[in-house]
Amino acid sequence: MSMVAANREDQAYQAPISSSDDLVYQSFSRGAVASTVLGVLGLLSFFFVGLLLLPVVGLLLGIGALLSIRRYPDELLGKPLALAGIALGGLTLCTAPAYHAYIYATEVPPGYERIAFSKLISPTGAPDQPPTEALALDGQQIFVKGYIHPTSMDSPKAKKFVLVPDLGTCCFGGQPPLTHMIEVTLTGDNFATRNMRKQKLAGTLRVNRALKPIDGLEGVYYTLKADYIH
């Protein structure tokens, strides 16, 4: 075999040479993905104001992810996700607080005074009896929010139940502190259903100086004859 033929054979079987330095590995930005997820979950803040933290975190993660993607465009993917997270977080933060402010300003029926459940609760370390501030509300037309105690309803639809201030008592049942309960009696065609949603009630509050007996619980100091429930 001639020298020329041997050289041609070597060239025919020579593999192309590539450098590992030319390989670029790309991955999705975790911040961009998390931003989109939190942006979607943040829409729940229209129903639960306490979840407004989700769009805040989602917005910050989206901004951070977008800056990283711009800094390393050949290594990181996910710019559309980061932009989506920023848009969702920003939109929610602009609209959800305004929505809740509108609800707060318009939810009390005319003729009723909004009171916080905390006004009825005895101070820490004090006897579990109506405080002076609660005694002053006897006979007043009030608007109050709370949760239905799970053992206080004797049917799926009831005219009478016990209202408590927080989900802890609502979910786990048991005997709440005495000043943490209002026995509610609904008037007219109103009735309550079993649920874990915060109830809005308006009616006439009565503050008893002695415990009023109630089935399944030790008793109550507060009763509410409610002509509005939502």
Protein backbone atom coordinates (compact mmCIF):
# COMPACT_ATOMS: atom_id res chain seq x y z
CA MET A 1 0.00 0.00 0.00
CA SER A 2 1.41 3.36 -0.93
CA MET A 3 2.01 6.14 1.57
CA VAL A 4 -0.70 8.28 -0.02
CA ALA A 5 -3.30 5.49 0.32
CA ALA A 6 -2.41 4.98 4.00
CA ASN A 7 -2.85 8.67 4.72
CA ARG A 8 -6.25 8.63 3.01
CA GLU A 9 -7.33 5.60 5.13
CA ASP A 10 -6.32 7.39 8.36
CA GLN A 11 -8.34 10.44 7.36
CA ALA A 12 -11.39 8.29 6.56
CA TYR A 13 -11.52 6.84 10.09
CA GLN A 14 -10.57 9.98 12.04
CA ALA A 15 -13.41 11.02 14.46
CA PRO A 16 -14.33 14.67 14.85
CA ILE A 17 -12.82 16.25 17.92
CA SER A 18 -14.99 18.41 20.19
CA SER A 19 -14.01 20.20 23.35
CA SER A 20 -15.99 19.82 26.58
CA ASP A 21 -15.58 23.56 26.99
CA ASP A 22 -18.07 24.04 24.14
CA LEU A 23 -20.87 22.15 25.99
CA VAL A 24 -23.39 24.36 27.83
CA TYR A 25 -25.76 22.83 30.36
CA GLN A 26 -29.08 24.66 30.88
CA SER A 27 -31.58 24.26 33.68
CA PHE A 28 -34.80 25.91 34.78
CA SER A 29 -34.48 28.55 37.46
CA ARG A 30 -35.93 27.21 40.69
CA GLY A 31 -36.83 30.73 41.71
CA ALA A 32 -38.84 31.21 38.52
CA VAL A 33 -40.79 27.98 39.09
CA ALA A 34 -41.43 28.80 42.75
CA SER A 35 -42.51 32.32 41.81
CA THR A 36 -45.19 31.01 39.45
CA VAL A 37 -46.44 28.45 41.96
CA LEU A 38 -46.69 31.05 44.73
CA GLY A 39 -48.32 33.49 42.32
CA VAL A 40 -51.07 30.97 41.60
CA LEU A 41 -51.51 30.01 45.26
CA GLY A 42 -51.53 33.69 46.16
CA LEU A 43 -54.88 34.05 44.42
CA LEU A 44 -56.33 32.32 47.48
CA SER A 45 -55.64 35.54 49.38
CA PHE A 46 -58.88 36.89 47.89
CA PHE A 47 -60.61 34.39 50.19
CA PHE A 48 -58.14 34.35 53.12
CA VAL A 49 -56.45 37.66 53.83
CA GLY A 50 -53.72 35.93 55.85
CA LEU A 51 -52.36 34.38 52.65
CA LEU A 52 -51.25 37.74 51.25
CA LEU A 53 -47.71 36.75 52.21
CA LEU A 54 -47.66 34.24 49.33
CA PRO A 55 -47.81 36.78 46.47
CA VAL A 56 -45.23 38.93 48.29
CA VAL A 57 -42.75 36.06 48.40
CA GLY A 58 -43.64 35.02 44.85
CA LEU A 59 -43.02 38.54 43.55
CA LEU A 60 -39.61 38.74 45.24
CA LEU A 61 -38.60 35.30 43.98
CA GLY A 62 -39.68 36.23 40.46
CA ILE A 63 -37.60 39.39 40.47
CA GLY A 64 -34.59 37.51 41.80
CA ALA A 65 -35.00 34.76 39.21
CA LEU A 66 -35.33 37.26 36.37
CA LEU A 67 -32.12 39.02 37.41
CA SER A 68 -30.27 35.68 37.56
CA ILE A 69 -31.57 34.65 34.13
CA ARG A 70 -30.40 37.93 32.62
CA ARG A 71 -27.01 37.47 34.25
CA TYR A 72 -26.61 33.87 33.04
CA PRO A 73 -28.73 33.69 29.85
CA ASP A 74 -26.84 30.65 28.49
CA GLU A 75 -27.27 28.60 31.67
CA LEU A 76 -30.71 29.40 33.09
CA LEU A 77 -34.15 28.95 31.57
CA GLY A 78 -37.53 30.09 32.83
CA LYS A 79 -37.87 33.75 31.93
CA PRO A 80 -41.60 33.35 31.04
CA LEU A 81 -42.21 31.66 34.40
CA ALA A 82 -40.43 34.44 36.28
CA LEU A 83 -42.45 37.08 34.42
CA ALA A 84 -45.68 35.16 35.14
CA GLY A 85 -44.83 34.98 38.85
CA ILE A 86 -44.06 38.70 38.95
CA ALA A 87 -47.30 39.55 37.12
CA LEU A 88 -49.46 37.33 39.33
CA GLY A 89 -47.85 38.55 42.54
CA GLY A 90 -48.06 42.21 41.55
CA LEU A 91 -51.68 41.95 40.38
CA THR A 92 -52.75 40.17 43.55
CA LEU A 93 -51.00 42.67 45.81
CA CYS A 94 -52.68 45.55 43.98
CA THR A 95 -56.21 44.11 44.01
CA ALA A 96 -56.65 41.73 46.97
CA PRO A 97 -56.12 44.35 49.74
CA ALA A 98 -58.54 46.71 47.98
CA TYR A 99 -61.08 43.88 47.73
CA HIS A 100 -60.82 43.08 51.44
CA ALA A 101 -61.04 46.77 52.33
CA TYR A 102 -64.26 47.06 50.32
CA ILE A 103 -65.75 43.99 52.02
CA TYR A 104 -64.80 45.34 55.45
CA ALA A 105 -66.39 48.72 54.71
CA THR A 106 -69.69 47.29 53.44
CA GLU A 107 -70.28 44.03 55.35
CA VAL A 108 -72.01 45.46 58.45
CA PRO A 109 -75.80 45.74 57.95
CA PRO A 110 -77.32 49.16 58.72
CA GLY A 111 -78.19 49.69 62.36
CA TYR A 112 -75.58 47.31 63.81
CA GLU A 113 -72.26 48.02 65.51
CA ARG A 114 -69.21 45.96 64.61
CA ILE A 115 -67.52 44.39 67.61
CA ALA A 116 -64.43 42.22 67.79
CA PHE A 117 -64.81 38.89 69.56
CA SER A 118 -61.87 39.95 71.72
CA LYS A 119 -64.14 42.45 73.51
CA LEU A 120 -66.08 39.53 74.99
CA ILE A 121 -63.06 37.48 76.11
CA SER A 122 -61.80 37.84 79.67
CA PRO A 123 -58.21 39.13 79.98
CA THR A 124 -55.38 36.66 80.54
CA GLY A 125 -55.13 35.73 84.21
CA ALA A 126 -58.58 37.15 85.05
CA PRO A 127 -61.61 35.03 85.99
CA ASP A 128 -63.38 33.55 82.97
CA GLN A 129 -66.31 35.95 83.25
CA PRO A 130 -67.60 38.78 81.03
CA PRO A 131 -65.30 41.80 81.35
CA THR A 132 -66.68 45.29 81.97
CA GLU A 133 -66.41 46.12 78.27
CA ALA A 134 -68.65 43.14 77.43
CA LEU A 135 -71.22 43.97 80.12
CA ALA A 136 -71.72 47.36 78.47
CA LEU A 137 -72.83 45.60 75.26
CA ASP A 138 -75.84 43.93 76.86
CA GLY A 139 -78.91 44.57 74.70
CA GLN A 140 -76.93 46.17 71.86
CA GLN A 141 -77.40 45.49 68.16
CA ILE A 142 -74.04 44.03 67.15
CA PHE A 143 -72.22 42.52 64.18
CA VAL A 144 -69.67 39.81 65.00
CA LYS A 145 -67.64 37.15 63.19
CA GLY A 146 -66.72 33.66 64.34
CA TYR A 147 -66.84 29.93 63.65
CA ILE A 148 -69.49 27.33 64.42
CA HIS A 149 -68.44 24.99 67.23
CA PRO A 150 -68.56 21.49 65.68
CA THR A 151 -70.55 19.81 68.47
CA SER A 152 -73.15 22.55 68.90
CA MET A 153 -75.36 21.66 65.92
CA ASP A 154 -77.83 18.80 66.25
CA SER A 155 -78.57 18.63 62.51
CA PRO A 156 -76.91 19.60 59.19
CA LYS A 157 -79.18 22.65 59.12
CA ALA A 158 -79.81 24.29 62.47
CA LYS A 159 -81.41 27.38 63.96
CA LYS A 160 -79.20 27.27 67.05
CA PHE A 161 -75.45 26.78 67.53
CA VAL A 162 -72.45 28.08 69.47
CA LEU A 163 -70.11 30.63 67.91
CA VAL A 164 -66.40 30.60 68.83
CA PRO A 165 -63.64 33.04 67.82
CA ASP A 166 -61.00 30.81 66.22
CA LEU A 167 -60.43 27.76 64.05
CA GLY A 168 -58.52 25.93 66.78
CA THR A 169 -61.64 25.55 68.91
CA CYS A 170 -63.81 25.13 65.83
CA CYS A 171 -61.79 22.26 64.38
CA PHE A 172 -60.89 20.29 67.50
CA GLY A 173 -64.02 20.79 69.54
CA GLY A 174 -63.86 20.32 73.28
CA GLN A 175 -64.89 22.77 75.96
CA PRO A 176 -63.88 26.34 75.01
CA PRO A 177 -63.34 28.99 77.68
CA LEU A 178 -66.70 30.37 78.80
CA THR A 179 -66.14 33.87 77.43
CA HIS A 180 -65.10 32.40 74.07
CA MET A 181 -68.65 31.26 73.26
CA ILE A 182 -71.86 32.88 72.05
CA GLU A 183 -75.04 30.83 71.84
CA VAL A 184 -76.70 31.96 68.60
CA THR A 185 -80.41 31.59 67.84
CA LEU A 186 -81.38 32.47 64.27
CA THR A 187 -84.68 34.16 63.53
CA GLY A 188 -86.95 34.04 60.48
CA ASP A 189 -85.97 31.73 57.64
CA ASN A 190 -82.27 31.82 58.48
CA PHE A 191 -80.43 28.62 59.31
CA ALA A 192 -76.80 27.53 59.64
CA THR A 193 -75.04 24.62 57.92
CA ARG A 194 -72.05 22.57 59.06
CA ASN A 195 -68.89 24.20 57.69
CA MET A 196 -65.52 25.63 58.71
CA ARG A 197 -66.11 29.04 57.10
CA LYS A 198 -66.08 32.20 59.19
CA GLN A 199 -69.66 33.28 59.88
CA LYS A 200 -70.90 36.86 59.86
CA LEU A 201 -73.82 37.49 62.20
CA ALA A 202 -75.89 40.47 63.27
CA GLY A 203 -78.47 40.61 66.04
CA THR A 204 -79.18 41.50 69.65
CA LEU A 205 -76.55 40.47 72.20
CA ARG A 206 -77.47 39.48 75.73
CA VAL A 207 -74.85 39.22 78.48
CA ASN A 208 -75.88 36.91 81.32
CA ARG A 209 -74.48 37.50 84.79
CA ALA A 210 -74.77 33.77 85.53
CA LEU A 211 -74.04 30.81 83.27
CA LYS A 212 -76.85 29.78 80.97
CA PRO A 213 -77.00 25.95 80.68
CA ILE A 214 -76.40 24.52 77.23
CA ASP A 215 -76.35 20.92 75.98
CA GLY A 216 -72.88 19.37 75.60
CA LEU A 217 -71.01 22.36 77.08
CA GLU A 218 -70.55 23.86 80.51
CA GLY A 219 -72.69 26.88 79.70
CA VAL A 220 -72.55 30.34 78.14
CA TYR A 221 -72.60 33.94 79.28
CA TYR A 222 -73.42 35.37 75.87
CA THR A 223 -76.49 34.80 73.69
CA LEU A 224 -77.24 36.35 70.34
CA LYS A 225 -80.67 36.54 68.73
CA ALA A 226 -79.49 36.88 65.14
CA ASP A 227 -81.61 38.03 62.23
CA TYR A 228 -78.68 38.04 59.78
CA ILE A 229 -76.12 35.37 58.91
CA HIS A 230 -73.72 35.23 55.99
